Amino acid sequence: MTTGSASSKPANEVITGFSPSRAAEDSKPANEVITGFLPEVRLPEQLDKRKSGASEAYRELIELELSQGRNAMGIWQDLVDQHGYTSSYQSVQRFVLKLREKYRLKRA
């Protein structure tokens, strides 16, 4: 029940006639049963891309750019502008950090 007052709170909704035990008795079985559900299947080339990262395909180019003193931002910009690279800057940045760490370990 509501009143004409604009400042009054709305009435709480009350549900009547609901019985959990009766609801279970009245329920019907499912019309359709789905069996053999499998998770999404990925092709081998998709697995490799996710495992190695989007930048792996550009490894040689990135290594060459790093050897010339380029930073991750410059490399990413060139990949986007000149090679149609669609992944994020952070992807290139992570890859560059891994390469730098790898070469540090080799020199030590």
PDB file of N, CA and C in Angstrom:
ATOM      1  N   MET A   1       0.836  -1.169   0.000  1.00  0.00           N
ATOM      2  CA  MET A   1       0.000   0.000   0.000  1.00  0.00           C
ATOM      3  C   MET A   1       0.883   1.236   0.000  1.00  0.00           C
ATOM      4  N   THR A   2       0.518   2.194  -0.833  1.00  0.00           N
ATOM      5  CA  THR A   2       1.291   3.419  -0.881  1.00  0.00           C
ATOM      6  C   THR A   2       0.404   4.586  -0.513  1.00  0.00           C
ATOM      7  N   THR A   3       1.035   5.651  -0.083  1.00  0.00           N
ATOM      8  CA  THR A   3       0.283   6.862   0.253  1.00  0.00           C
ATOM      9  C   THR A   3       0.625   7.938  -0.743  1.00  0.00           C
ATOM     10  N   GLY A   4      -0.076   9.037  -0.678  1.00  0.00           N
ATOM     11  CA  GLY A   4       0.149  10.117  -1.611  1.00  0.00           C
ATOM     12  C   GLY A   4       1.380  10.940  -1.284  1.00  0.00           C
ATOM     13  N   SER A   5       2.055  10.684  -0.211  1.00  0.00           N
ATOM     14  CA  SER A   5       3.212  11.462   0.194  1.00  0.00           C
ATOM     15  C   SER A   5       4.405  11.131  -0.684  1.00  0.00           C
ATOM     16  N   ALA A   6       5.072  12.147  -1.213  1.00  0.00           N
ATOM     17  CA  ALA A   6       6.227  11.939  -2.087  1.00  0.00           C
ATOM     18  C   ALA A   6       7.435  11.458  -1.307  1.00  0.00           C
ATOM     19  N   SER A   7       7.499  11.750  -0.011  1.00  0.00           N
ATOM     20  CA  SER A   7       8.668  11.377   0.773  1.00  0.00           C
ATOM     21  C   SER A   7       8.541   9.996   1.408  1.00  0.00           C
ATOM     22  N   SER A   8       7.414   9.328   1.233  1.00  0.00           N
ATOM     23  CA  SER A   8       7.249   8.019   1.864  1.00  0.00           C
ATOM     24  C   SER A   8       8.067   6.959   1.136  1.00  0.00           C
ATOM     25  N   LYS A   9       8.464   5.956   1.877  1.00  0.00           N
ATOM     26  CA  LYS A   9       9.239   4.858   1.315  1.00  0.00           C
ATOM     27  C   LYS A   9       8.311   3.943   0.524  1.00  0.00           C
ATOM     28  N   PRO A  10       8.833   3.280  -0.526  1.00  0.00           N
ATOM     29  CA  PRO A  10       7.983   2.356  -1.270  1.00  0.00           C
ATOM     30  C   PRO A  10       7.629   1.152  -0.403  1.00  0.00           C
ATOM     31  N   ALA A  11       6.482   0.584  -0.655  1.00  0.00           N
ATOM     32  CA  ALA A  11       6.038  -0.590   0.098  1.00  0.00           C
ATOM     33  C   ALA A  11       6.917  -1.784  -0.231  1.00  0.00           C
ATOM     34  N   ASN A  12       7.159  -2.636   0.741  1.00  0.00           N
ATOM     35  CA  ASN A  12       7.897  -3.867   0.508  1.00  0.00           C
ATOM     36  C   ASN A  12       7.014  -4.843  -0.238  1.00  0.00           C
ATOM     37  N   GLU A  13       7.606  -5.589  -1.142  1.00  0.00           N
ATOM     38  CA  GLU A  13       6.843  -6.564  -1.914  1.00  0.00           C
ATOM     39  C   GLU A  13       6.728  -7.848  -1.110  1.00  0.00           C
ATOM     40  N   VAL A  14       5.540  -8.414  -1.080  1.00  0.00           N
ATOM     41  CA  VAL A  14       5.299  -9.644  -0.333  1.00  0.00           C
ATOM     42  C   VAL A  14       4.835 -10.711  -1.310  1.00  0.00           C
ATOM     43  N   ILE A  15       5.491 -11.849  -1.283  1.00  0.00           N
ATOM     44  CA  ILE A  15       5.103 -12.971  -2.131  1.00  0.00           C
ATOM     45  C   ILE A  15       4.392 -13.978  -1.246  1.00  0.00           C
ATOM     46  N   THR A  16       3.194 -14.368  -1.649  1.00  0.00           N
ATOM     47  CA  THR A  16       2.430 -15.322  -0.849  1.00  0.00           C
ATOM     48  C   THR A  16       2.163 -16.574  -1.660  1.00  0.00           C
ATOM     49  N   GLY A  17       1.858 -17.654  -0.999  1.00  0.00           N
ATOM     50  CA  GLY A  17       1.490 -18.899  -1.671  1.00  0.00           C
ATOM     51  C   GLY A  17       2.669 -19.698  -2.178  1.00  0.00           C
ATOM     52  N   PHE A  18       3.879 -19.416  -1.714  1.00  0.00           N
ATOM     53  CA  PHE A  18       5.054 -20.158  -2.164  1.00  0.00           C
ATOM     54  C   PHE A  18       5.442 -21.184  -1.116  1.00  0.00           C
ATOM     55  N   SER A  19       5.610 -22.412  -1.549  1.00  0.00           N
ATOM     56  CA  SER A  19       6.033 -23.471  -0.649  1.00  0.00           C
ATOM     57  C   SER A  19       7.166 -24.235  -1.318  1.00  0.00           C
ATOM     58  N   PRO A  20       8.377 -24.233  -0.747  1.00  0.00           N
ATOM     59  CA  PRO A  20       9.496 -24.926  -1.374  1.00  0.00           C
ATOM     60  C   PRO A  20       9.218 -26.408  -1.621  1.00  0.00           C
ATOM     61  N   SER A  21       8.554 -27.081  -0.695  1.00  0.00           N
ATOM     62  CA  SER A  21       8.299 -28.510  -0.888  1.00  0.00           C
ATOM     63  C   SER A  21       7.296 -28.725  -2.019  1.00  0.00           C
ATOM     64  N   ARG A  22       6.315 -27.863  -2.120  1.00  0.00           N
ATOM     65  CA  ARG A  22       5.329 -27.993  -3.193  1.00  0.00           C
ATOM     66  C   ARG A  22       5.966 -27.655  -4.539  1.00  0.00           C
ATOM     67  N   ALA A  23       6.874 -26.673  -4.566  1.00  0.00           N
ATOM     68  CA  ALA A  23       7.530 -26.294  -5.815  1.00  0.00           C
ATOM     69  C   ALA A  23       8.309 -27.473  -6.374  1.00  0.00           C
ATOM     70  N   ALA A  24       8.955 -28.256  -5.510  1.00  0.00           N
ATOM     71  CA  ALA A  24       9.707 -29.421  -5.969  1.00  0.00           C
ATOM     72  C   ALA A  24       8.771 -30.481  -6.543  1.00  0.00           C
ATOM     73  N   GLU A  25       7.590 -30.637  -5.947  1.00  0.00           N
ATOM     74  CA  GLU A  25       6.627 -31.625  -6.446  1.00  0.00           C
ATOM     75  C   GLU A  25       6.084 -31.233  -7.807  1.00  0.00           C
ATOM     76  N   ASP A  26       5.881 -29.938  -8.023  1.00  0.00           N
ATOM     77  CA  ASP A  26       5.300 -29.444  -9.264  1.00  0.00           C
ATOM     78  C   ASP A  26       6.317 -29.313 -10.396  1.00  0.00           C
ATOM     79  N   SER A  27       7.593 -29.434 -10.099  1.00  0.00           N
ATOM     80  CA  SER A  27       8.591 -29.220 -11.145  1.00  0.00           C
ATOM     81  C   SER A  27       8.545 -30.335 -12.179  1.00  0.00           C
ATOM     82  N   LYS A  28       8.901 -29.967 -13.404  1.00  0.00           N
ATOM     83  CA  LYS A  28       8.897 -30.920 -14.516  1.00  0.00           C
ATOM     84  C   LYS A  28      10.330 -31.251 -14.883  1.00  0.00           C
ATOM     85  N   PRO A  29      10.564 -32.428 -15.429  1.00  0.00           N
ATOM     86  CA  PRO A  29      11.925 -32.764 -15.854  1.00  0.00           C
ATOM     87  C   PRO A  29      12.337 -31.893 -17.038  1.00  0.00           C
ATOM     88  N   ALA A  30      13.622 -31.771 -17.240  1.00  0.00           N
ATOM     89  CA  ALA A  30      14.138 -30.988 -18.356  1.00  0.00           C
ATOM     90  C   ALA A  30      13.701 -31.612 -19.672  1.00  0.00           C
ATOM     91  N   ASN A  31      13.409 -30.771 -20.638  1.00  0.00           N
ATOM     92  CA  ASN A  31      13.014 -31.248 -21.963  1.00  0.00           C
ATOM     93  C   ASN A  31      14.211 -31.694 -22.779  1.00  0.00           C
ATOM     94  N   GLU A  32      15.378 -31.171 -22.463  1.00  0.00           N
ATOM     95  CA  GLU A  32      16.553 -31.447 -23.259  1.00  0.00           C
ATOM     96  C   GLU A  32      17.707 -31.790 -22.330  1.00  0.00           C
ATOM     97  N   VAL A  33      18.447 -32.803 -22.676  1.00  0.00           N
ATOM     98  CA  VAL A  33      19.610 -33.193 -21.894  1.00  0.00           C
ATOM     99  C   VAL A  33      20.833 -33.052 -22.793  1.00  0.00           C
ATOM    100  N   ILE A  34      21.826 -32.331 -22.319  1.00  0.00           N
ATOM    101  CA  ILE A  34      23.045 -32.125 -23.090  1.00  0.00           C
ATOM    102  C   ILE A  34      24.116 -33.023 -22.493  1.00  0.00           C
ATOM    103  N   THR A  35      24.663 -33.893 -23.316  1.00  0.00           N
ATOM    104  CA  THR A  35      25.727 -34.779 -22.846  1.00  0.00           C
ATOM    105  C   THR A  35      26.960 -34.573 -23.694  1.00  0.00           C
ATOM    106  N   GLY A  36      28.088 -34.995 -23.191  1.00  0.00           N
ATOM    107  CA  GLY A  36      29.325 -34.924 -23.948  1.00  0.00           C
ATOM    108  C   GLY A  36      29.842 -33.510 -24.135  1.00  0.00           C
ATOM    109  N   PHE A  37      29.531 -32.611 -23.218  1.00  0.00           N
ATOM    110  CA  PHE A  37      30.002 -31.235 -23.335  1.00  0.00           C
ATOM    111  C   PHE A  37      31.512 -31.207 -23.156  1.00  0.00           C
ATOM    112  N   LEU A  38      32.210 -30.599 -24.107  1.00  0.00           N
ATOM    113  CA  LEU A  38      33.660 -30.469 -24.038  1.00  0.00           C
ATOM    114  C   LEU A  38      34.040 -29.000 -23.978  1.00  0.00           C
ATOM    115  N   PRO A  39      35.127 -28.683 -23.307  1.00  0.00           N
ATOM    116  CA  PRO A  39      35.582 -27.295 -23.317  1.00  0.00           C
ATOM    117  C   PRO A  39      36.024 -26.886 -24.719  1.00  0.00           C
ATOM    118  N   GLU A  40      36.180 -25.596 -24.924  1.00  0.00           N
ATOM    119  CA  GLU A  40      36.599 -25.083 -26.227  1.00  0.00           C
ATOM    120  C   GLU A  40      37.906 -25.738 -26.642  1.00  0.00           C
ATOM    121  N   VAL A  41      37.962 -26.183 -27.869  1.00  0.00           N
ATOM    122  CA  VAL A  41      39.156 -26.828 -28.397  1.00  0.00           C
ATOM    123  C   VAL A  41      39.947 -25.795 -29.188  1.00  0.00           C
ATOM    124  N   ARG A  42      41.236 -25.726 -28.947  1.00  0.00           N
ATOM    125  CA  ARG A  42      42.091 -24.790 -29.668  1.00  0.00           C
ATOM    126  C   ARG A  42      42.969 -25.551 -30.640  1.00  0.00           C
ATOM    127  N   LEU A  43      43.205 -24.939 -31.772  1.00  0.00           N
ATOM    128  CA  LEU A  43      44.093 -25.512 -32.764  1.00  0.00           C
ATOM    129  C   LEU A  43      45.529 -25.376 -32.285  1.00  0.00           C
ATOM    130  N   PRO A  44      46.434 -26.240 -32.758  1.00  0.00           N
ATOM    131  CA  PRO A  44      47.830 -26.170 -32.302  1.00  0.00           C
ATOM    132  C   PRO A  44      48.457 -24.796 -32.475  1.00  0.00           C
ATOM    133  N   GLU A  45      48.175 -24.114 -33.594  1.00  0.00           N
ATOM    134  CA  GLU A  45      48.777 -22.791 -33.776  1.00  0.00           C
ATOM    135  C   GLU A  45      48.237 -21.779 -32.772  1.00  0.00           C
ATOM    136  N   GLN A  46      47.015 -21.967 -32.311  1.00  0.00           N
ATOM    137  CA  GLN A  46      46.464 -21.092 -31.279  1.00  0.00           C
ATOM    138  C   GLN A  46      47.122 -21.371 -29.933  1.00  0.00           C
ATOM    139  N   LEU A  47      47.375 -22.631 -29.653  1.00  0.00           N
ATOM    140  CA  LEU A  47      48.047 -22.987 -28.404  1.00  0.00           C
ATOM    141  C   LEU A  47      49.441 -22.390 -28.363  1.00  0.00           C
ATOM    142  N   ASP A  48      50.173 -22.489 -29.476  1.00  0.00           N
ATOM    143  CA  ASP A  48      51.522 -21.947 -29.521  1.00  0.00           C
ATOM    144  C   ASP A  48      51.523 -20.445 -29.302  1.00  0.00           C
ATOM    145  N   LYS A  49      50.550 -19.750 -29.916  1.00  0.00           N
ATOM    146  CA  LYS A  49      50.490 -18.298 -29.773  1.00  0.00           C
ATOM    147  C   LYS A  49      50.233 -17.911 -28.322  1.00  0.00           C
ATOM    148  N   ARG A  50      49.309 -18.601 -27.649  1.00  0.00           N
ATOM    149  CA  ARG A  50      49.007 -18.267 -26.263  1.00  0.00           C
ATOM    150  C   ARG A  50      50.178 -18.634 -25.362  1.00  0.00           C
ATOM    151  N   LYS A  51      50.839 -19.727 -25.658  1.00  0.00           N
ATOM    152  CA  LYS A  51      51.947 -20.176 -24.825  1.00  0.00           C
ATOM    153  C   LYS A  51      53.137 -19.229 -24.944  1.00  0.00           C
ATOM    154  N   SER A  52      53.457 -18.813 -26.166  1.00  0.00           N
ATOM    155  CA  SER A  52      54.650 -18.017 -26.381  1.00  0.00           C
ATOM    156  C   SER A  52      54.372 -16.523 -26.416  1.00  0.00           C
ATOM    157  N   GLY A  53      53.136 -16.126 -26.555  1.00  0.00           N
ATOM    158  CA  GLY A  53      52.807 -14.712 -26.628  1.00  0.00           C
ATOM    159  C   GLY A  53      52.768 -14.241 -28.077  1.00  0.00           C
ATOM    160  N   ALA A  54      52.069 -13.154 -28.275  1.00  0.00           N
ATOM    161  CA  ALA A  54      51.875 -12.622 -29.625  1.00  0.00           C
ATOM    162  C   ALA A  54      53.178 -12.109 -30.223  1.00  0.00           C
ATOM    163  N   SER A  55      54.119 -11.719 -29.391  1.00  0.00           N
ATOM    164  CA  SER A  55      55.371 -11.144 -29.882  1.00  0.00           C
ATOM    165  C   SER A  55      56.359 -12.187 -30.403  1.00  0.00           C
ATOM    166  N   GLU A  56      56.144 -13.429 -30.082  1.00  0.00           N
ATOM    167  CA  GLU A  56      57.085 -14.480 -30.489  1.00  0.00           C
ATOM    168  C   GLU A  56      57.260 -14.523 -32.009  1.00  0.00           C
ATOM    169  N   ALA A  57      56.211 -14.269 -32.747  1.00  0.00           N
ATOM    170  CA  ALA A  57      56.294 -14.291 -34.211  1.00  0.00           C
ATOM    171  C   ALA A  57      57.232 -13.203 -34.737  1.00  0.00           C
ATOM    172  N   TYR A  58      57.496 -12.200 -33.924  1.00  0.00           N
ATOM    173  CA  TYR A  58      58.347 -11.081 -34.324  1.00  0.00           C
ATOM    174  C   TYR A  58      59.684 -11.097 -33.591  1.00  0.00           C
ATOM    175  N   ARG A  59      60.058 -12.256 -33.061  1.00  0.00           N
ATOM    176  CA  ARG A  59      61.266 -12.375 -32.238  1.00  0.00           C
ATOM    177  C   ARG A  59      62.502 -11.805 -32.916  1.00  0.00           C
ATOM    178  N   GLU A  60      62.785 -12.219 -34.141  1.00  0.00           N
ATOM    179  CA  GLU A  60      64.011 -11.775 -34.817  1.00  0.00           C
ATOM    180  C   GLU A  60      64.031 -10.261 -34.991  1.00  0.00           C
ATOM    181  N   LEU A  61      62.908  -9.698 -35.389  1.00  0.00           N
ATOM    182  CA  LEU A  61      62.819  -8.254 -35.556  1.00  0.00           C
ATOM    183  C   LEU A  61      63.022  -7.532 -34.223  1.00  0.00           C
ATOM    184  N   ILE A  62      62.396  -8.041 -33.182  1.00  0.00           N
ATOM    185  CA  ILE A  62      62.523  -7.421 -31.854  1.00  0.00           C
ATOM    186  C   ILE A  62      63.954  -7.530 -31.354  1.00  0.00           C
ATOM    187  N   GLU A  63      64.584  -8.685 -31.545  1.00  0.00           N
ATOM    188  CA  GLU A  63      65.985  -8.847 -31.130  1.00  0.00           C
ATOM    189  C   GLU A  63      66.897  -7.884 -31.885  1.00  0.00           C
ATOM    190  N   LEU A  64      66.658  -7.714 -33.190  1.00  0.00           N
ATOM    191  CA  LEU A  64      67.456  -6.783 -33.991  1.00  0.00           C
ATOM    192  C   LEU A  64      67.286  -5.357 -33.478  1.00  0.00           C
ATOM    193  N   GLU A  65      66.051  -4.968 -33.218  1.00  0.00           N
ATOM    194  CA  GLU A  65      65.778  -3.617 -32.712  1.00  0.00           C
ATOM    195  C   GLU A  65      66.434  -3.405 -31.349  1.00  0.00           C
ATOM    196  N   LEU A  66      66.375  -4.408 -30.489  1.00  0.00           N
ATOM    197  CA  LEU A  66      67.018  -4.290 -29.173  1.00  0.00           C
ATOM    198  C   LEU A  66      68.527  -4.128 -29.320  1.00  0.00           C
ATOM    199  N   SER A  67      69.116  -4.856 -30.259  1.00  0.00           N
ATOM    200  CA  SER A  67      70.566  -4.763 -30.464  1.00  0.00           C
ATOM    201  C   SER A  67      70.984  -3.378 -30.954  1.00  0.00           C
ATOM    202  N   GLN A  68      70.039  -2.638 -31.520  1.00  0.00           N
ATOM    203  CA  GLN A  68      70.321  -1.284 -32.002  1.00  0.00           C
ATOM    204  C   GLN A  68      69.962  -0.225 -30.950  1.00  0.00           C
ATOM    205  N   GLY A  69      69.636  -0.690 -29.728  1.00  0.00           N
ATOM    206  CA  GLY A  69      69.380   0.217 -28.634  1.00  0.00           C
ATOM    207  C   GLY A  69      67.957   0.737 -28.543  1.00  0.00           C
ATOM    208  N   ARG A  70      67.030   0.167 -29.300  1.00  0.00           N
ATOM    209  CA  ARG A  70      65.629   0.614 -29.262  1.00  0.00           C
ATOM    210  C   ARG A  70      64.963   0.151 -27.976  1.00  0.00           C
ATOM    211  N   ASN A  71      63.975   0.905 -27.515  1.00  0.00           N
ATOM    212  CA  ASN A  71      63.224   0.499 -26.329  1.00  0.00           C
ATOM    213  C   ASN A  71      61.918  -0.174 -26.754  1.00  0.00           C
ATOM    214  N   ALA A  72      61.199  -0.741 -25.785  1.00  0.00           N
ATOM    215  CA  ALA A  72      59.984  -1.503 -26.067  1.00  0.00           C
ATOM    216  C   ALA A  72      58.915  -0.642 -26.731  1.00  0.00           C
ATOM    217  N   MET A  73      58.770   0.613 -26.312  1.00  0.00           N
ATOM    218  CA  MET A  73      57.744   1.487 -26.896  1.00  0.00           C
ATOM    219  C   MET A  73      58.017   1.740 -28.374  1.00  0.00           C
ATOM    220  N   GLY A  74      59.248   2.038 -28.716  1.00  0.00           N
ATOM    221  CA  GLY A  74      59.611   2.273 -30.115  1.00  0.00           C
ATOM    222  C   GLY A  74      59.417   1.026 -30.961  1.00  0.00           C
ATOM    223  N   ILE A  75      59.797  -0.109 -30.408  1.00  0.00           N
ATOM    224  CA  ILE A  75      59.626  -1.376 -31.131  1.00  0.00           C
ATOM    225  C   ILE A  75      58.151  -1.645 -31.366  1.00  0.00           C
ATOM    226  N   TRP A  76      57.325  -1.458 -30.326  1.00  0.00           N
ATOM    227  CA  TRP A  76      55.885  -1.685 -30.466  1.00  0.00           C
ATOM    228  C   TRP A  76      55.285  -0.763 -31.524  1.00  0.00           C
ATOM    229  N   GLN A  77      55.670   0.516 -31.505  1.00  0.00           N
ATOM    230  CA  GLN A  77      55.128   1.450 -32.491  1.00  0.00           C
ATOM    231  C   GLN A  77      55.473   1.030 -33.911  1.00  0.00           C
ATOM    232  N   ASP A  78      56.700   0.570 -34.120  1.00  0.00           N
ATOM    233  CA  ASP A  78      57.087   0.095 -35.455  1.00  0.00           C
ATOM    234  C   ASP A  78      56.319  -1.167 -35.840  1.00  0.00           C
ATOM    235  N   LEU A  79      56.139  -2.062 -34.891  1.00  0.00           N
ATOM    236  CA  LEU A  79      55.385  -3.283 -35.191  1.00  0.00           C
ATOM    237  C   LEU A  79      53.960  -2.951 -35.624  1.00  0.00           C
ATOM    238  N   VAL A  80      53.331  -2.016 -34.928  1.00  0.00           N
ATOM    239  CA  VAL A  80      51.961  -1.616 -35.261  1.00  0.00           C
ATOM    240  C   VAL A  80      51.925  -0.911 -36.608  1.00  0.00           C
ATOM    241  N   ASP A  81      52.782   0.082 -36.795  1.00  0.00           N
ATOM    242  CA  ASP A  81      52.754   0.911 -38.004  1.00  0.00           C
ATOM    243  C   ASP A  81      53.216   0.169 -39.253  1.00  0.00           C
ATOM    244  N   GLN A  82      54.246  -0.644 -39.122  1.00  0.00           N
ATOM    245  CA  GLN A  82      54.875  -1.232 -40.303  1.00  0.00           C
ATOM    246  C   GLN A  82      54.534  -2.704 -40.533  1.00  0.00           C
ATOM    247  N   HIS A  83      54.026  -3.382 -39.490  1.00  0.00           N
ATOM    248  CA  HIS A  83      53.815  -4.827 -39.621  1.00  0.00           C
ATOM    249  C   HIS A  83      52.405  -5.278 -39.247  1.00  0.00           C
ATOM    250  N   GLY A  84      51.522  -4.346 -38.935  1.00  0.00           N
ATOM    251  CA  GLY A  84      50.139  -4.697 -38.631  1.00  0.00           C
ATOM    252  C   GLY A  84      49.947  -5.438 -37.315  1.00  0.00           C
ATOM    253  N   TYR A  85      50.855  -5.233 -36.396  1.00  0.00           N
ATOM    254  CA  TYR A  85      50.782  -5.883 -35.086  1.00  0.00           C
ATOM    255  C   TYR A  85      49.534  -5.412 -34.350  1.00  0.00           C
ATOM    256  N   THR A  86      48.765  -6.344 -33.788  1.00  0.00           N
ATOM    257  CA  THR A  86      47.500  -5.979 -33.157  1.00  0.00           C
ATOM    258  C   THR A  86      47.478  -6.159 -31.643  1.00  0.00           C
ATOM    259  N   SER A  87      48.510  -6.728 -31.075  1.00  0.00           N
ATOM    260  CA  SER A  87      48.525  -6.919 -29.625  1.00  0.00           C
ATOM    261  C   SER A  87      48.981  -5.648 -28.921  1.00  0.00           C
ATOM    262  N   SER A  88      48.897  -5.672 -27.617  1.00  0.00           N
ATOM    263  CA  SER A  88      49.153  -4.477 -26.808  1.00  0.00           C
ATOM    264  C   SER A  88      50.641  -4.178 -26.657  1.00  0.00           C
ATOM    265  N   TYR A  89      50.893  -2.943 -26.233  1.00  0.00           N
ATOM    266  CA  TYR A  89      52.252  -2.544 -25.887  1.00  0.00           C
ATOM    267  C   TYR A  89      52.791  -3.415 -24.759  1.00  0.00           C
ATOM    268  N   GLN A  90      51.924  -3.726 -23.772  1.00  0.00           N
ATOM    269  CA  GLN A  90      52.362  -4.530 -22.630  1.00  0.00           C
ATOM    270  C   GLN A  90      52.858  -5.899 -23.071  1.00  0.00           C
ATOM    271  N   SER A  91      52.295  -6.433 -24.131  1.00  0.00           N
ATOM    272  CA  SER A  91      52.740  -7.726 -24.646  1.00  0.00           C
ATOM    273  C   SER A  91      54.185  -7.630 -25.138  1.00  0.00           C
ATOM    274  N   VAL A  92      54.478  -6.572 -25.878  1.00  0.00           N
ATOM    275  CA  VAL A  92      55.853  -6.363 -26.361  1.00  0.00           C
ATOM    276  C   VAL A  92      56.768  -6.083 -25.174  1.00  0.00           C
ATOM    277  N   GLN A  93      56.315  -5.300 -24.246  1.00  0.00           N
ATOM    278  CA  GLN A  93      57.131  -4.959 -23.087  1.00  0.00           C
ATOM    279  C   GLN A  93      57.519  -6.214 -22.296  1.00  0.00           C
ATOM    280  N   ARG A  94      56.542  -7.107 -22.066  1.00  0.00           N
ATOM    281  CA  ARG A  94      56.847  -8.361 -21.349  1.00  0.00           C
ATOM    282  C   ARG A  94      57.861  -9.197 -22.132  1.00  0.00           C
ATOM    283  N   PHE A  95      57.680  -9.256 -23.446  1.00  0.00           N
ATOM    284  CA  PHE A  95      58.582 -10.048 -24.286  1.00  0.00           C
ATOM    285  C   PHE A  95      59.997  -9.463 -24.247  1.00  0.00           C
ATOM    286  N   VAL A  96      60.114  -8.151 -24.327  1.00  0.00           N
ATOM    287  CA  VAL A  96      61.415  -7.486 -24.277  1.00  0.00           C
ATOM    288  C   VAL A  96      62.085  -7.758 -22.929  1.00  0.00           C
ATOM    289  N   LEU A  97      61.331  -7.687 -21.848  1.00  0.00           N
ATOM    290  CA  LEU A  97      61.907  -7.968 -20.524  1.00  0.00           C
ATOM    291  C   LEU A  97      62.437  -9.392 -20.447  1.00  0.00           C
ATOM    292  N   LYS A  98      61.671 -10.346 -21.028  1.00  0.00           N
ATOM    293  CA  LYS A  98      62.145 -11.742 -21.036  1.00  0.00           C
ATOM    294  C   LYS A  98      63.427 -11.879 -21.838  1.00  0.00           C
ATOM    295  N   LEU A  99      63.484 -11.228 -23.009  1.00  0.00           N
ATOM    296  CA  LEU A  99      64.686 -11.310 -23.842  1.00  0.00           C
ATOM    297  C   LEU A  99      65.884 -10.684 -23.133  1.00  0.00           C
ATOM    298  N   ARG A 100      65.684  -9.541 -22.517  1.00  0.00           N
ATOM    299  CA  ARG A 100      66.791  -8.888 -21.812  1.00  0.00           C
ATOM    300  C   ARG A 100      67.294  -9.753 -20.677  1.00  0.00           C
ATOM    301  N   GLU A 101      66.385 -10.366 -19.942  1.00  0.00           N
ATOM    302  CA  GLU A 101      66.783 -11.251 -18.838  1.00  0.00           C
ATOM    303  C   GLU A 101      67.542 -12.465 -19.376  1.00  0.00           C
ATOM    304  N   LYS A 102      67.078 -13.005 -20.471  1.00  0.00           N
ATOM    305  CA  LYS A 102      67.730 -14.172 -21.081  1.00  0.00           C
ATOM    306  C   LYS A 102      69.170 -13.842 -21.476  1.00  0.00           C
ATOM    307  N   TYR A 103      69.366 -12.675 -22.084  1.00  0.00           N
ATOM    308  CA  TYR A 103      70.708 -12.299 -22.514  1.00  0.00           C
ATOM    309  C   TYR A 103      71.597 -11.912 -21.347  1.00  0.00           C
ATOM    310  N   ARG A 104      71.038 -11.389 -20.274  1.00  0.00           N
ATOM    311  CA  ARG A 104      71.811 -11.108 -19.054  1.00  0.00           C
ATOM    312  C   ARG A 104      72.346 -12.394 -18.463  1.00  0.00           C
ATOM    313  N   LEU A 105      71.498 -13.434 -18.440  1.00  0.00           N
ATOM    314  CA  LEU A 105      71.918 -14.716 -17.896  1.00  0.00           C
ATOM    315  C   LEU A 105      72.999 -15.351 -18.747  1.00  0.00           C
ATOM    316  N   LYS A 106      72.931 -15.195 -20.061  1.00  0.00           N
ATOM    317  CA  LYS A 106      73.930 -15.772 -20.952  1.00  0.00           C
ATOM    318  C   LYS A 106      75.289 -15.096 -20.765  1.00  0.00           C
ATOM    319  N   ARG A 107      75.275 -13.779 -20.521  1.00  0.00           N
ATOM    320  CA  ARG A 107      76.536 -13.046 -20.366  1.00  0.00           C
ATOM    321  C   ARG A 107      77.199 -13.341 -19.040  1.00  0.00           C
ATOM    322  N   ALA A 108      76.431 -13.655 -18.029  1.00  0.00           N
ATOM    323  CA  ALA A 108      76.983 -13.852 -16.684  1.00  0.00           C
ATOM    324  C   ALA A 108      77.731 -15.151 -16.543  1.00  0.00           C
TER     325      ALA A 108
END
